[in-house]
Every structure is written in structure tokens, then in C-alpha cells.
Amino acid sequence: QVQLVESGGGLVQTGGSLRLSCAASGRTFSSVGMGWFRQAPGKEREFVAAISWSGGSVRYADSVKGRGTISRDNAKSTLSLQMTSLTPEDTAVYYCAATRRSYSSRKEDYSYWGQGTQVTVSS
């Protein structure tokens, strides 16, 4: 089992930035791939970014490529997502998730999910 708790969401103006964090506990954090997903009202949950257990491999959705940076600290069992140049289209609930795979962009591959943190970008 892996327990995940996100933090860092809030209200941000267009063009601003924020840093989301995810604290993990339970199963050895350093042995699981991690990802960030988001879900806007009325839309499917979508992939944002993923990182392998070692941090050596990362993947981004086209919508955040160049604006997002995913990172992890295995010593502290934390996952982060730094986002810049935010627009109202980034408004969503952001979730961190853990997968037994190395890492994946498919939400079906993730077994553990946090409760989510709301990000709202005002125009």
C-alpha cells in the first residue's frame, strides 16, 4: 500500500506559477513510478507528467511540455510538480499517483491515488 497526500494547490493568476507536492508513505516509495494527473469539471482525468522510480526518466503531456517539471526526492518520499506560465486551461484538481510499473502515462496503470488538490487559474 502507498498513501499519497497532495498539497500546494490554490488560486493563481494567468501567467503565474505554482509548485505541487505529494507526500508518500507506506510501500517503499523509491520502488514505484509516480505520476501527476488532473481532472477539470466535466472532463476525463488526464495525464500531466510521470517519473520513473529512480527519477532518471520523465514524460510530459504535450499540454504541459516546456511548462512543467516533475521531480522526486526518494530520501524524503516526496513528489513535486512545478508549473509555470499557467492559463485558465490548467484549472483542475491535480492528483498524484503511484504505479508498480517504471512509469506510465496511462491512468489505468496506477494503483494508488491521492485525494487531489485544486488548482484554479484566474484570467
N, C-alpha and C. Protein backbone atom coordinates (compact mmCIF):
# COMPACT_ATOMS: atom_id res chain seq x y z
N GLN A 1 0.83 -1.20 0.00
CA GLN A 1 0.00 0.00 0.00
C GLN A 1 0.87 1.25 0.00
N VAL A 2 0.38 2.25 -0.70
CA VAL A 2 1.04 3.56 -0.72
C VAL A 2 -0.03 4.60 -0.41
N GLN A 3 0.23 5.44 0.55
CA GLN A 3 -0.69 6.54 0.85
C GLN A 3 -0.09 7.82 0.31
N LEU A 4 -0.92 8.60 -0.37
CA LEU A 4 -0.45 9.81 -1.04
C LEU A 4 -1.28 11.01 -0.62
N VAL A 5 -0.61 12.11 -0.31
CA VAL A 5 -1.30 13.33 0.09
C VAL A 5 -0.71 14.50 -0.68
N GLU A 6 -1.55 15.15 -1.48
CA GLU A 6 -1.11 16.29 -2.27
C GLU A 6 -1.27 17.59 -1.49
N SER A 7 -0.47 18.57 -1.86
CA SER A 7 -0.59 19.91 -1.29
C SER A 7 -0.04 20.91 -2.30
N GLY A 8 -0.31 22.20 -2.05
CA GLY A 8 0.26 23.23 -2.88
C GLY A 8 -0.69 23.86 -3.87
N GLY A 9 -1.91 23.37 -3.96
CA GLY A 9 -2.86 23.97 -4.88
C GLY A 9 -3.36 25.30 -4.37
N GLY A 10 -4.12 25.99 -5.21
CA GLY A 10 -4.67 27.27 -4.80
C GLY A 10 -5.10 28.09 -6.00
N LEU A 11 -5.28 29.37 -5.77
CA LEU A 11 -5.70 30.30 -6.81
C LEU A 11 -4.48 31.05 -7.34
N VAL A 12 -4.31 31.03 -8.64
CA VAL A 12 -3.15 31.64 -9.28
C VAL A 12 -3.64 32.48 -10.46
N GLN A 13 -2.98 33.57 -10.74
CA GLN A 13 -3.33 34.39 -11.89
C GLN A 13 -2.70 33.82 -13.16
N THR A 14 -3.33 34.11 -14.29
CA THR A 14 -2.77 33.71 -15.57
C THR A 14 -1.34 34.21 -15.69
N GLY A 15 -0.48 33.32 -16.14
CA GLY A 15 0.94 33.65 -16.27
C GLY A 15 1.76 33.33 -15.04
N GLY A 16 1.08 32.98 -13.97
CA GLY A 16 1.77 32.67 -12.73
C GLY A 16 2.30 31.25 -12.70
N SER A 17 2.85 30.88 -11.56
CA SER A 17 3.40 29.55 -11.41
C SER A 17 3.03 28.99 -10.04
N LEU A 18 3.18 27.70 -9.91
CA LEU A 18 2.97 27.07 -8.61
C LEU A 18 3.74 25.77 -8.55
N ARG A 19 3.86 25.26 -7.34
CA ARG A 19 4.56 24.00 -7.11
C ARG A 19 3.66 23.10 -6.29
N LEU A 20 3.33 21.98 -6.86
CA LEU A 20 2.53 20.98 -6.15
C LEU A 20 3.46 19.95 -5.53
N SER A 21 3.07 19.46 -4.37
CA SER A 21 3.84 18.44 -3.68
C SER A 21 2.96 17.26 -3.35
N CYS A 22 3.58 16.11 -3.24
CA CYS A 22 2.87 14.89 -2.88
C CYS A 22 3.74 14.14 -1.88
N ALA A 23 3.21 13.93 -0.69
CA ALA A 23 3.92 13.18 0.34
C ALA A 23 3.44 11.74 0.33
N ALA A 24 4.38 10.81 0.29
CA ALA A 24 4.04 9.39 0.21
C ALA A 24 4.44 8.67 1.48
N SER A 25 3.67 7.66 1.82
CA SER A 25 4.01 6.80 2.95
C SER A 25 3.55 5.39 2.64
N GLY A 26 4.07 4.44 3.37
CA GLY A 26 3.69 3.05 3.14
C GLY A 26 4.78 2.31 2.38
N ARG A 27 4.36 1.66 1.30
CA ARG A 27 5.26 0.87 0.47
C ARG A 27 6.49 1.70 0.08
N THR A 28 7.61 1.07 -0.10
CA THR A 28 8.84 1.76 -0.41
C THR A 28 8.66 2.69 -1.61
N PHE A 29 8.75 3.96 -1.34
CA PHE A 29 8.50 4.99 -2.35
C PHE A 29 9.45 4.86 -3.52
N SER A 30 10.69 4.56 -3.22
CA SER A 30 11.70 4.55 -4.27
C SER A 30 11.55 3.39 -5.24
N SER A 31 10.62 2.48 -5.01
CA SER A 31 10.44 1.34 -5.90
C SER A 31 9.26 1.50 -6.84
N VAL A 32 8.56 2.62 -6.77
CA VAL A 32 7.39 2.81 -7.61
C VAL A 32 7.55 4.00 -8.53
N GLY A 33 6.96 3.87 -9.72
CA GLY A 33 6.87 5.02 -10.61
C GLY A 33 5.78 5.95 -10.12
N MET A 34 5.91 7.22 -10.44
CA MET A 34 4.95 8.22 -9.95
C MET A 34 4.46 9.08 -11.10
N GLY A 35 3.26 9.61 -10.92
CA GLY A 35 2.71 10.47 -11.96
C GLY A 35 1.80 11.53 -11.39
N TRP A 36 1.59 12.54 -12.19
CA TRP A 36 0.60 13.59 -11.90
C TRP A 36 -0.48 13.53 -12.98
N PHE A 37 -1.72 13.61 -12.53
CA PHE A 37 -2.86 13.68 -13.43
C PHE A 37 -3.72 14.86 -13.00
N ARG A 38 -4.64 15.25 -13.86
CA ARG A 38 -5.55 16.33 -13.49
C ARG A 38 -6.91 16.06 -14.10
N GLN A 39 -7.92 16.63 -13.44
CA GLN A 39 -9.29 16.47 -13.91
C GLN A 39 -10.03 17.78 -13.76
N ALA A 40 -10.45 18.32 -14.89
CA ALA A 40 -11.24 19.53 -14.91
C ALA A 40 -12.72 19.15 -14.84
N PRO A 41 -13.58 20.07 -14.42
CA PRO A 41 -15.01 19.76 -14.32
C PRO A 41 -15.57 19.28 -15.64
N GLY A 42 -16.28 18.16 -15.60
CA GLY A 42 -16.92 17.64 -16.79
C GLY A 42 -15.99 16.94 -17.77
N LYS A 43 -14.72 16.78 -17.39
CA LYS A 43 -13.75 16.15 -18.29
C LYS A 43 -13.16 14.91 -17.66
N GLU A 44 -12.56 14.09 -18.52
CA GLU A 44 -11.86 12.89 -18.05
C GLU A 44 -10.57 13.29 -17.33
N ARG A 45 -10.16 12.41 -16.43
CA ARG A 45 -8.86 12.61 -15.79
C ARG A 45 -7.77 12.41 -16.84
N GLU A 46 -6.84 13.34 -16.91
CA GLU A 46 -5.82 13.28 -17.95
C GLU A 46 -4.41 13.31 -17.38
N PHE A 47 -3.54 12.71 -18.13
CA PHE A 47 -2.12 12.63 -17.76
C PHE A 47 -1.46 14.00 -17.83
N VAL A 48 -0.59 14.28 -16.87
CA VAL A 48 0.19 15.51 -16.87
C VAL A 48 1.68 15.20 -17.00
N ALA A 49 2.20 14.38 -16.09
CA ALA A 49 3.62 14.07 -16.10
C ALA A 49 3.86 12.79 -15.31
N ALA A 50 4.97 12.12 -15.63
CA ALA A 50 5.34 10.90 -14.92
C ALA A 50 6.84 10.84 -14.77
N ILE A 51 7.28 10.09 -13.74
CA ILE A 51 8.70 9.96 -13.47
C ILE A 51 8.98 8.55 -12.99
N SER A 52 10.11 8.00 -13.44
CA SER A 52 10.46 6.64 -13.05
C SER A 52 10.91 6.58 -11.59
N TRP A 53 11.06 5.36 -11.07
CA TRP A 53 11.39 5.19 -9.66
C TRP A 53 12.72 5.86 -9.31
N SER A 54 13.65 5.87 -10.24
CA SER A 54 14.95 6.48 -9.97
C SER A 54 14.97 7.97 -10.24
N GLY A 55 13.97 8.45 -10.95
CA GLY A 55 13.98 9.85 -11.37
C GLY A 55 14.72 10.07 -12.67
N GLY A 56 15.26 8.99 -13.24
CA GLY A 56 16.06 9.13 -14.44
C GLY A 56 15.28 9.30 -15.72
N SER A 57 14.01 8.94 -15.70
CA SER A 57 13.16 9.07 -16.89
C SER A 57 11.90 9.83 -16.54
N VAL A 58 11.55 10.75 -17.41
CA VAL A 58 10.33 11.55 -17.20
C VAL A 58 9.56 11.62 -18.51
N ARG A 59 8.29 11.91 -18.38
CA ARG A 59 7.43 12.06 -19.55
C ARG A 59 6.41 13.13 -19.24
N TYR A 60 6.07 13.93 -20.25
CA TYR A 60 5.11 15.02 -20.06
C TYR A 60 4.01 14.96 -21.12
N ALA A 61 2.84 15.40 -20.73
CA ALA A 61 1.79 15.61 -21.72
C ALA A 61 2.17 16.80 -22.58
N ASP A 62 1.73 16.79 -23.83
CA ASP A 62 2.05 17.89 -24.73
C ASP A 62 1.56 19.22 -24.17
N SER A 63 0.46 19.18 -23.44
CA SER A 63 -0.14 20.41 -22.92
C SER A 63 0.72 21.10 -21.87
N VAL A 64 1.63 20.39 -21.25
CA VAL A 64 2.47 20.99 -20.21
C VAL A 64 3.95 20.96 -20.55
N LYS A 65 4.29 20.34 -21.67
CA LYS A 65 5.70 20.24 -22.05
C LYS A 65 6.30 21.64 -22.18
N GLY A 66 7.42 21.83 -21.53
CA GLY A 66 8.08 23.13 -21.54
C GLY A 66 7.62 24.04 -20.41
N ARG A 67 6.52 23.69 -19.76
CA ARG A 67 6.00 24.50 -18.65
C ARG A 67 6.00 23.75 -17.33
N GLY A 68 6.13 22.46 -17.40
CA GLY A 68 6.06 21.63 -16.19
C GLY A 68 7.36 20.90 -15.93
N THR A 69 7.67 20.72 -14.67
CA THR A 69 8.84 19.95 -14.28
C THR A 69 8.45 19.02 -13.14
N ILE A 70 8.57 17.73 -13.39
CA ILE A 70 8.28 16.75 -12.35
C ILE A 70 9.59 16.30 -11.72
N SER A 71 9.58 16.10 -10.43
CA SER A 71 10.79 15.66 -9.74
C SER A 71 10.38 14.85 -8.51
N ARG A 72 11.32 14.12 -7.99
CA ARG A 72 11.05 13.32 -6.79
C ARG A 72 12.28 13.31 -5.91
N ASP A 73 12.03 13.15 -4.62
CA ASP A 73 13.10 13.02 -3.63
C ASP A 73 12.83 11.73 -2.87
N ASN A 74 13.52 10.68 -3.24
CA ASN A 74 13.25 9.37 -2.63
C ASN A 74 13.64 9.34 -1.16
N ALA A 75 14.60 10.13 -0.78
CA ALA A 75 15.01 10.17 0.64
C ALA A 75 13.90 10.75 1.52
N LYS A 76 13.11 11.65 0.93
CA LYS A 76 12.03 12.29 1.68
C LYS A 76 10.65 11.76 1.29
N SER A 77 10.63 10.82 0.35
CA SER A 77 9.36 10.25 -0.13
C SER A 77 8.39 11.32 -0.60
N THR A 78 8.91 12.21 -1.42
CA THR A 78 8.07 13.29 -1.93
C THR A 78 8.17 13.39 -3.44
N LEU A 79 7.08 13.82 -4.03
CA LEU A 79 6.98 14.05 -5.47
C LEU A 79 6.57 15.50 -5.66
N SER A 80 7.10 16.14 -6.69
CA SER A 80 6.76 17.54 -6.92
C SER A 80 6.41 17.77 -8.39
N LEU A 81 5.63 18.82 -8.62
CA LEU A 81 5.34 19.27 -9.97
C LEU A 81 5.41 20.79 -9.96
N GLN A 82 6.36 21.33 -10.68
CA GLN A 82 6.49 22.77 -10.83
C GLN A 82 5.84 23.15 -12.16
N MET A 83 4.91 24.10 -12.12
CA MET A 83 4.21 24.53 -13.33
C MET A 83 4.40 26.04 -13.49
N THR A 84 4.69 26.48 -14.70
CA THR A 84 4.84 27.90 -14.99
C THR A 84 3.91 28.30 -16.13
N SER A 85 3.82 29.61 -16.37
CA SER A 85 3.00 30.15 -17.47
C SER A 85 1.59 29.55 -17.45
N LEU A 86 0.98 29.57 -16.30
CA LEU A 86 -0.33 28.95 -16.14
C LEU A 86 -1.41 29.73 -16.88
N THR A 87 -2.38 29.00 -17.40
CA THR A 87 -3.53 29.58 -18.07
C THR A 87 -4.81 28.99 -17.45
N PRO A 88 -5.95 29.59 -17.72
CA PRO A 88 -7.20 29.03 -17.18
C PRO A 88 -7.43 27.57 -17.59
N GLU A 89 -6.84 27.16 -18.70
CA GLU A 89 -6.99 25.76 -19.15
C GLU A 89 -6.28 24.79 -18.20
N ASP A 90 -5.44 25.29 -17.33
CA ASP A 90 -4.77 24.45 -16.35
C ASP A 90 -5.61 24.25 -15.09
N THR A 91 -6.74 24.92 -15.01
CA THR A 91 -7.61 24.78 -13.85
C THR A 91 -8.16 23.35 -13.77
N ALA A 92 -7.92 22.71 -12.63
CA ALA A 92 -8.33 21.32 -12.45
C ALA A 92 -7.98 20.88 -11.04
N VAL A 93 -8.46 19.70 -10.69
CA VAL A 93 -7.97 19.02 -9.50
C VAL A 93 -6.77 18.19 -9.93
N TYR A 94 -5.67 18.35 -9.25
CA TYR A 94 -4.44 17.64 -9.59
C TYR A 94 -4.23 16.49 -8.61
N TYR A 95 -3.93 15.33 -9.17
CA TYR A 95 -3.74 14.12 -8.39
C TYR A 95 -2.34 13.56 -8.59
N CYS A 96 -1.74 13.08 -7.52
CA CYS A 96 -0.53 12.29 -7.69
C CYS A 96 -0.92 10.82 -7.57
N ALA A 97 -0.15 9.97 -8.22
CA ALA A 97 -0.48 8.56 -8.26
C ALA A 97 0.80 7.74 -8.34
N ALA A 98 0.70 6.49 -7.89
CA ALA A 98 1.84 5.59 -7.90
C ALA A 98 1.52 4.34 -8.71
N THR A 99 2.53 3.86 -9.43
CA THR A 99 2.36 2.68 -10.26
C THR A 99 3.48 1.68 -10.00
N ARG A 100 3.16 0.41 -10.11
CA ARG A 100 4.18 -0.62 -9.97
C ARG A 100 5.06 -0.68 -11.21
N ARG A 101 4.61 -0.08 -12.29
CA ARG A 101 5.42 -0.01 -13.50
C ARG A 101 6.54 1.02 -13.30
N SER A 102 7.48 1.04 -14.20
CA SER A 102 8.56 2.02 -14.11
C SER A 102 7.97 3.43 -14.11
N TYR A 103 7.13 3.73 -15.08
CA TYR A 103 6.32 4.94 -15.11
C TYR A 103 5.40 4.80 -16.31
N SER A 104 4.35 5.56 -16.35
CA SER A 104 3.34 5.40 -17.40
C SER A 104 2.52 6.67 -17.54
N SER A 105 1.98 6.87 -18.74
CA SER A 105 1.07 7.99 -18.97
C SER A 105 -0.39 7.52 -18.91
N ARG A 106 -0.61 6.23 -18.69
CA ARG A 106 -1.96 5.66 -18.65
C ARG A 106 -2.47 5.61 -17.23
N LYS A 107 -3.59 6.24 -16.96
CA LYS A 107 -4.13 6.25 -15.61
C LYS A 107 -4.50 4.83 -15.15
N GLU A 108 -4.79 3.95 -16.12
CA GLU A 108 -5.16 2.57 -15.77
C GLU A 108 -3.99 1.81 -15.14
N ASP A 109 -2.79 2.30 -15.35
CA ASP A 109 -1.60 1.63 -14.81
C ASP A 109 -1.30 2.01 -13.36
N TYR A 110 -2.02 2.97 -12.84
CA TYR A 110 -1.75 3.46 -11.49
C TYR A 110 -2.71 2.84 -10.48
N SER A 111 -2.11 2.33 -9.41
CA SER A 111 -2.90 1.62 -8.40
C SER A 111 -3.25 2.48 -7.20
N TYR A 112 -2.46 3.49 -6.95
CA TYR A 112 -2.63 4.30 -5.75
C TYR A 112 -2.79 5.76 -6.14
N TRP A 113 -3.76 6.41 -5.50
CA TRP A 113 -4.09 7.80 -5.82
C TRP A 113 -4.25 8.62 -4.55
N GLY A 114 -3.86 9.88 -4.66
CA GLY A 114 -4.15 10.81 -3.59
C GLY A 114 -5.55 11.37 -3.74
N GLN A 115 -5.93 12.25 -2.82
CA GLN A 115 -7.27 12.84 -2.82
C GLN A 115 -7.37 14.03 -3.76
N GLY A 116 -6.25 14.56 -4.18
CA GLY A 116 -6.25 15.67 -5.12
C GLY A 116 -6.13 17.03 -4.44
N THR A 117 -5.64 17.99 -5.20
CA THR A 117 -5.53 19.37 -4.73
C THR A 117 -6.01 20.28 -5.86
N GLN A 118 -6.86 21.24 -5.51
CA GLN A 118 -7.47 22.12 -6.52
C GLN A 118 -6.52 23.23 -6.95
N VAL A 119 -6.41 23.38 -8.25
CA VAL A 119 -5.66 24.49 -8.83
C VAL A 119 -6.63 25.30 -9.68
N THR A 120 -6.72 26.57 -9.39
CA THR A 120 -7.60 27.46 -10.15
C THR A 120 -6.77 28.61 -10.69
N VAL A 121 -6.83 28.79 -12.00
CA VAL A 121 -6.09 29.87 -12.65
C VAL A 121 -7.09 30.90 -13.13
N SER A 122 -6.98 32.11 -12.62
CA SER A 122 -7.91 33.16 -12.98
C SER A 122 -7.39 33.94 -14.19
N SER A 123 -8.34 34.39 -15.01
CA SER A 123 -7.97 35.12 -16.22
C SER A 123 -7.84 36.61 -15.95
